[in-house]
Amino acid sequence: MAPSERAKQARRAAEGGSVDTQVSLALWHLQGEEGLQQDDVKAAAWFRKAADLGYDAAQFGLANCFFRGTGVAQNFAQAAEWGRKAADQGIAHAQHLVGKLYALGEVGVKKDLPLGKKYLELSAAQGNEDAAALLKELRKCVACGQLDVHHMICSRCHNRRYCDRTCQLRHWNSPTDPHSLHFVKRRESAGAGVSPSEPADFSADKN
């Protein structure tokens, strides 16, 4: 199948620097439309050309490619970097993607719950239901699963929530809890002993 006349015109415009047509070509290559062969690598390449020029839709398209490993090697750090550029320009889907990456701490992305929540809230405010659903999950106590209760949040990492001190201690005393193990290991590396029954300080958090 030969490229359509529309695709030919778009390619000429894209090669001349038109970001709109660069994104169009990327999408057509993703779907194999307008007589173009389905080609994830070419799609990612066209997204990058427009993304490098600061086009928000292309930045999100490239971020999504890195997130899914479409046409490029999967790389969550790159997905967060490009997604954040689009998110900061108001793209709701990019805000959801970035919020998820930071809130969950995907491989290569340092977990930052407050930052993740910030982007998820921005996305949810624009009507993104997936972002709203994830925000609801993040409001649960990690020990008992209760939702929308008064939470305690770890003042050192800001990444763990508990509904009260009892839940916090129950979770902390678990020998397999990665949160307590993290602090035990950090204290030991600093030459200070720590008991699993000595949790990190917690501060109130109602968000």
Protein backbone atom coordinates (compact mmCIF):
# COMPACT_ATOMS: atom_id res chain seq x y z
CA MET A 1 0.00 0.00 0.00
CA ALA A 2 1.39 3.37 -1.02
CA PRO A 3 1.25 6.42 1.26
CA SER A 4 -1.81 8.58 0.69
CA GLU A 5 -1.48 12.03 -0.80
CA ARG A 6 -2.29 13.41 2.63
CA ALA A 7 0.60 11.46 4.12
CA LYS A 8 2.97 12.67 1.40
CA GLN A 9 2.01 16.28 2.03
CA ALA A 10 2.34 15.79 5.77
CA ARG A 11 5.82 14.35 5.38
CA ARG A 12 6.97 17.34 3.33
CA ALA A 13 5.59 19.70 5.97
CA ALA A 14 7.07 17.61 8.80
CA GLU A 15 10.50 17.63 7.20
CA GLY A 16 10.13 21.40 6.99
CA GLY A 17 9.65 21.60 10.75
CA SER A 18 5.85 21.50 11.19
CA VAL A 19 5.26 19.98 14.63
CA ASP A 20 1.58 19.29 13.95
CA THR A 21 2.36 17.13 10.96
CA GLN A 22 5.26 15.45 12.77
CA VAL A 23 2.77 14.30 15.41
CA SER A 24 0.30 13.27 12.71
CA LEU A 25 2.95 11.10 11.07
CA ALA A 26 3.83 9.57 14.42
CA LEU A 27 0.20 8.65 15.08
CA TRP A 28 -0.31 7.29 11.55
CA HIS A 29 2.79 5.11 11.90
CA LEU A 30 1.52 3.83 15.25
CA GLN A 31 -1.79 2.79 13.70
CA GLY A 32 -0.65 2.00 10.17
CA GLU A 33 -2.97 4.62 8.69
CA GLU A 34 -2.91 6.83 5.58
CA GLY A 35 -1.13 4.10 3.63
CA LEU A 36 1.86 4.15 5.99
CA GLN A 37 3.37 0.94 7.30
CA GLN A 38 2.81 0.36 11.00
CA ASP A 39 6.21 1.20 12.48
CA ASP A 40 6.71 1.97 16.17
CA VAL A 41 10.31 3.08 15.68
CA LYS A 42 9.36 5.70 13.09
CA ALA A 43 6.47 6.81 15.29
CA ALA A 44 8.78 7.38 18.26
CA ALA A 45 11.27 9.21 16.04
CA TRP A 46 8.61 11.64 14.78
CA PHE A 47 7.36 12.22 18.32
CA ARG A 48 10.93 13.04 19.37
CA LYS A 49 11.41 15.57 16.57
CA ALA A 50 8.33 17.51 17.67
CA ALA A 51 9.08 16.98 21.37
CA ASP A 52 12.52 18.51 20.94
CA LEU A 53 10.76 21.60 19.60
CA GLY A 54 8.67 21.86 22.78
CA TYR A 55 5.35 20.57 21.42
CA ASP A 56 3.33 19.29 24.39
CA ALA A 57 1.36 16.59 22.54
CA ALA A 58 4.60 15.17 21.12
CA GLN A 59 6.27 15.24 24.54
CA PHE A 60 3.41 13.19 25.94
CA GLY A 61 3.52 10.86 22.93
CA LEU A 62 7.24 10.28 23.46
CA ALA A 63 6.75 9.81 27.21
CA ASN A 64 4.12 7.18 26.47
CA CYS A 65 6.52 5.44 24.09
CA PHE A 66 9.15 5.24 26.83
CA PHE A 67 6.54 4.11 29.36
CA ARG A 68 5.28 1.28 27.15
CA GLY A 69 8.53 0.50 25.34
CA THR A 70 6.97 1.39 21.99
CA GLY A 71 9.60 2.00 19.35
CA VAL A 72 12.21 2.64 22.06
CA ALA A 73 13.61 0.69 24.99
CA GLN A 74 11.28 0.95 27.97
CA ASN A 75 12.62 3.60 30.31
CA PHE A 76 10.48 4.97 33.14
CA ALA A 77 12.96 7.74 33.95
CA GLN A 78 12.71 9.06 30.40
CA ALA A 79 8.94 8.66 30.52
CA ALA A 80 8.86 10.82 33.65
CA GLU A 81 11.20 13.42 32.15
CA TRP A 82 9.28 13.87 28.90
CA GLY A 83 5.91 13.42 30.57
CA ARG A 84 6.67 16.16 33.04
CA LYS A 85 7.41 18.60 30.23
CA ALA A 86 3.94 17.94 28.79
CA ALA A 87 2.29 17.82 32.22
CA ASP A 88 3.64 21.26 33.07
CA GLN A 89 1.97 22.54 29.90
CA GLY A 90 -1.39 21.25 31.10
CA ILE A 91 -1.79 17.91 29.30
CA ALA A 92 -4.11 15.90 31.59
CA HIS A 93 -2.99 12.47 30.37
CA ALA A 94 0.63 13.47 30.91
CA GLN A 95 -0.18 14.67 34.42
CA HIS A 96 -1.73 11.27 35.14
CA LEU A 97 1.28 9.41 33.74
CA VAL A 98 3.80 11.49 35.68
CA GLY A 99 1.73 11.36 38.84
CA LYS A 100 1.57 7.58 38.64
CA LEU A 101 5.29 7.23 38.03
CA TYR A 102 6.23 9.36 41.04
CA ALA A 103 3.49 8.12 43.36
CA LEU A 104 4.33 4.46 42.78
CA GLY A 105 8.09 4.90 42.36
CA GLU A 106 8.53 2.89 39.18
CA VAL A 107 11.98 1.51 38.31
CA GLY A 108 14.36 4.41 37.70
CA VAL A 109 11.99 6.98 39.22
CA LYS A 110 12.51 7.92 42.86
CA LYS A 111 9.23 7.62 44.72
CA ASP A 112 7.86 11.03 45.67
CA LEU A 113 4.28 10.74 46.93
CA PRO A 114 3.61 14.48 47.40
CA LEU A 115 4.84 15.25 43.88
CA GLY A 116 2.91 12.33 42.44
CA LYS A 117 -0.25 13.48 44.18
CA LYS A 118 0.24 17.01 42.87
CA TYR A 119 0.18 15.84 39.26
CA LEU A 120 -2.64 13.37 39.86
CA GLU A 121 -4.75 16.12 41.41
CA LEU A 122 -4.09 18.39 38.43
CA SER A 123 -5.14 15.59 36.07
CA ALA A 124 -8.22 14.67 38.11
CA ALA A 125 -9.28 18.33 38.14
CA GLN A 126 -9.42 18.12 34.35
CA GLY A 127 -11.73 15.11 34.55
CA ASN A 128 -9.23 12.25 34.23
CA GLU A 129 -11.01 9.36 35.94
CA ASP A 130 -7.90 7.15 36.12
CA ALA A 131 -6.06 9.86 38.05
CA ALA A 132 -9.00 10.25 40.42
CA ALA A 133 -9.12 6.49 41.02
CA LEU A 134 -5.40 6.32 41.81
CA LEU A 135 -5.69 9.26 44.20
CA LYS A 136 -8.39 7.33 46.05
CA GLU A 137 -6.07 4.32 46.36
CA LEU A 138 -3.27 6.53 47.68
CA ARG A 139 -5.51 7.82 50.47
CA LYS A 140 -5.78 4.33 51.95
CA CYS A 141 -3.89 3.30 55.07
CA VAL A 142 -1.12 0.94 53.94
CA ALA A 143 -1.66 -1.28 57.00
CA CYS A 144 -5.45 -1.78 57.14
CA GLY A 145 -6.75 -0.27 53.90
CA GLN A 146 -9.14 2.22 55.48
CA LEU A 147 -9.98 5.17 53.27
CA ASP A 148 -10.46 8.84 54.10
CA VAL A 149 -9.47 8.64 57.73
CA HIS A 150 -7.04 10.80 59.68
CA HIS A 151 -3.66 9.70 58.39
CA MET A 152 -0.16 9.72 59.80
CA ILE A 153 2.55 10.13 57.21
CA CYS A 154 6.22 9.31 57.63
CA SER A 155 8.04 12.61 58.14
CA ARG A 156 11.30 11.24 56.73
CA CYS A 157 10.19 9.80 53.39
CA HIS A 158 6.59 11.07 53.03
CA ASN A 159 5.76 7.86 51.19
CA ARG A 160 3.87 5.79 53.76
CA ARG A 161 0.48 6.53 55.32
CA TYR A 162 -1.26 5.04 58.35
CA CYS A 163 -4.66 5.82 59.82
CA ASP A 164 -3.32 5.85 63.39
CA ARG A 165 -0.35 4.91 65.55
CA THR A 166 -1.66 1.38 66.08
CA CYS A 167 -1.71 0.61 62.36
CA GLN A 168 1.66 2.27 61.95
CA LEU A 169 3.25 0.07 64.63
CA ARG A 170 1.58 -3.09 63.34
CA HIS A 171 2.96 -2.49 59.88
CA TRP A 172 6.35 -1.35 61.15
CA ASN A 173 6.83 -4.48 63.26
CA SER A 174 6.33 -6.76 60.27
CA PRO A 175 9.74 -8.40 59.54
CA THR A 176 9.09 -8.12 55.80
CA ASP A 177 7.87 -4.53 55.67
CA PRO A 178 10.16 -2.77 53.14
CA HIS A 179 9.59 0.59 54.82
CA SER A 180 10.98 -0.46 58.21
CA LEU A 181 13.75 -2.50 56.55
CA HIS A 182 14.78 0.61 54.62
CA PHE A 183 15.31 2.61 57.79
CA VAL A 184 17.00 -0.26 59.63
CA LYS A 185 19.47 -0.58 56.79
CA ARG A 186 20.02 3.18 56.64
CA ARG A 187 20.65 3.41 60.40
CA GLU A 188 23.02 0.43 60.32
CA SER A 189 25.02 1.96 57.46
CA ALA A 190 25.38 5.11 59.54
CA GLY A 191 26.71 3.03 62.46
CA ALA A 192 23.62 3.42 64.65
CA GLY A 193 21.55 0.54 65.90
CA VAL A 194 17.78 0.50 65.54
CA SER A 195 15.05 -1.80 66.72
CA PRO A 196 12.17 -2.76 64.38
CA SER A 197 9.88 -1.44 67.12
CA GLU A 198 11.33 2.05 66.70
CA PRO A 199 9.43 3.54 63.79
CA ALA A 200 10.20 6.76 62.03
CA ASP A 201 8.58 9.90 63.35
CA PHE A 202 5.17 10.57 61.88
CA SER A 203 3.31 13.78 61.27
CA ALA A 204 -0.37 14.40 60.64
CA ASP A 205 -1.52 14.45 57.04
CA LYS A 206 -5.16 14.85 56.01
CA ASN A 207 -4.69 15.05 52.25
